[in-house]
């Protein structure tokens, strides 16, 4: 370490919700997302696996998306936005208006 690194912070705290992640949130909010029940949940939009699973994992770990209901490990269930995820989508919609 050279003194420039931040220590003591979880990796998720360093994630920025970028345009790609915002598009993923909008898709989930539109009811087009499914998530695998796992500690590292994979996100599927319109039945296709998201190409950026790092972003998908980040959305889950940041508490922006979650499974709609419990499932067996590996099972895909509908994905829903959390209150924090809805707030981001709502803020984006208001900015666009």
Protein backbone atom coordinates (compact mmCIF):
# COMPACT_ATOMS: atom_id res chain seq x y z
CA UNK A 1 0.00 0.00 0.00
CA UNK A 2 1.28 3.43 -0.89
CA UNK A 3 -1.10 5.46 1.26
CA UNK A 4 -3.45 6.36 -1.59
CA UNK A 5 -5.73 3.36 -1.08
CA UNK A 6 -8.88 3.61 0.99
CA UNK A 7 -9.03 0.97 3.69
CA UNK A 8 -11.82 -0.40 5.78
CA UNK A 9 -14.52 0.14 3.15
CA UNK A 10 -16.48 -2.68 1.56
CA UNK A 11 -15.96 -3.01 -2.19
CA UNK A 12 -19.62 -2.19 -2.87
CA UNK A 13 -19.15 1.25 -1.32
CA UNK A 14 -16.82 2.12 -4.22
CA UNK A 15 -19.38 1.29 -6.90
CA UNK A 16 -20.95 4.14 -8.79
CA UNK A 17 -24.40 3.65 -10.26
CA UNK A 18 -23.50 4.28 -13.90
CA UNK A 19 -25.70 4.55 -17.00
CA UNK A 20 -25.62 0.79 -17.61
CA UNK A 21 -26.71 0.07 -14.05
CA UNK A 22 -29.46 2.68 -14.33
CA UNK A 23 -30.74 0.94 -17.49
CA UNK A 24 -30.75 -2.35 -15.59
CA UNK A 25 -32.73 -0.71 -12.78
CA UNK A 26 -35.28 0.64 -15.28
CA UNK A 27 -35.69 -2.84 -16.81
CA UNK A 28 -36.24 -4.41 -13.38
CA UNK A 29 -38.69 -1.63 -12.52
CA UNK A 30 -40.60 -2.42 -15.73
CA UNK A 31 -40.98 -6.05 -14.61
CA UNK A 32 -38.52 -7.42 -17.17
CA UNK A 33 -35.92 -8.76 -14.71
CA UNK A 34 -35.28 -12.06 -12.97
CA UNK A 35 -32.55 -12.77 -10.45
CA UNK A 36 -30.91 -16.01 -9.38
CA UNK A 37 -31.16 -16.88 -5.69
CA UNK A 38 -27.52 -16.84 -4.68
CA UNK A 39 -25.00 -14.92 -2.61
CA UNK A 40 -23.80 -13.53 -5.97
CA UNK A 41 -27.13 -13.11 -7.76
CA UNK A 42 -27.10 -13.08 -11.55
CA UNK A 43 -29.55 -10.78 -13.31
CA UNK A 44 -31.56 -11.74 -16.39
CA UNK A 45 -33.45 -9.22 -18.50
CA UNK A 46 -36.06 -10.44 -20.98
CA UNK A 47 -34.81 -13.99 -20.38
CA UNK A 48 -31.19 -13.19 -21.29
CA UNK A 49 -28.27 -13.07 -18.89
CA UNK A 50 -26.90 -9.56 -18.40
CA UNK A 51 -23.48 -9.26 -19.96
CA UNK A 52 -22.16 -7.21 -17.04
CA UNK A 53 -22.62 -9.45 -14.03
CA UNK A 54 -20.25 -7.23 -12.02
CA UNK A 55 -22.85 -4.46 -12.35
CA UNK A 56 -25.69 -6.87 -11.58
CA UNK A 57 -23.93 -8.09 -8.43
CA UNK A 58 -23.29 -4.47 -7.48
CA UNK A 59 -26.99 -3.60 -7.75
CA UNK A 60 -27.84 -6.47 -5.43
CA UNK A 61 -25.05 -5.77 -2.94
CA UNK A 62 -25.92 -2.06 -2.87
CA UNK A 63 -29.49 -3.05 -1.97
CA UNK A 64 -31.05 -1.61 -5.13
CA UNK A 65 -32.62 -4.85 -6.40
CA UNK A 66 -33.73 -8.01 -4.63
CA UNK A 67 -35.64 -11.23 -5.33
CA UNK A 68 -39.41 -10.77 -5.23
CA UNK A 69 -39.66 -13.87 -3.05
CA UNK A 70 -37.35 -16.57 -1.64
CA UNK A 71 -36.28 -19.40 -3.90
CA UNK A 72 -34.07 -22.45 -3.97
CA UNK A 73 -30.33 -21.82 -4.49
CA UNK A 74 -29.76 -21.07 -8.17
CA UNK A 75 -33.47 -20.70 -8.95
CA UNK A 76 -34.49 -17.65 -10.96
CA UNK A 77 -37.26 -15.54 -9.44
CA UNK A 78 -38.66 -12.15 -10.43
CA UNK A 79 -36.41 -9.24 -9.51
CA UNK A 80 -37.86 -6.13 -7.89
CA UNK A 81 -36.51 -2.73 -7.00
CA UNK A 82 -35.97 -1.84 -3.38
CA UNK A 83 -37.01 1.59 -2.11
CA UNK A 84 -33.49 2.85 -2.85
CA UNK A 85 -33.61 1.43 -6.39
CA UNK A 86 -37.03 3.02 -7.00
CA UNK A 87 -35.67 6.36 -5.75
CA UNK A 88 -32.89 6.29 -8.36
CA UNK A 89 -35.31 5.44 -11.18
CA UNK A 90 -37.77 8.11 -10.01
CA UNK A 91 -34.99 10.71 -9.80
CA UNK A 92 -33.84 9.82 -13.33
CA UNK A 93 -37.42 10.11 -14.64
CA UNK A 94 -37.85 13.51 -13.02
CA UNK A 95 -34.52 14.72 -14.46
CA UNK A 96 -35.59 13.62 -17.94
CA UNK A 97 -38.90 15.50 -17.77
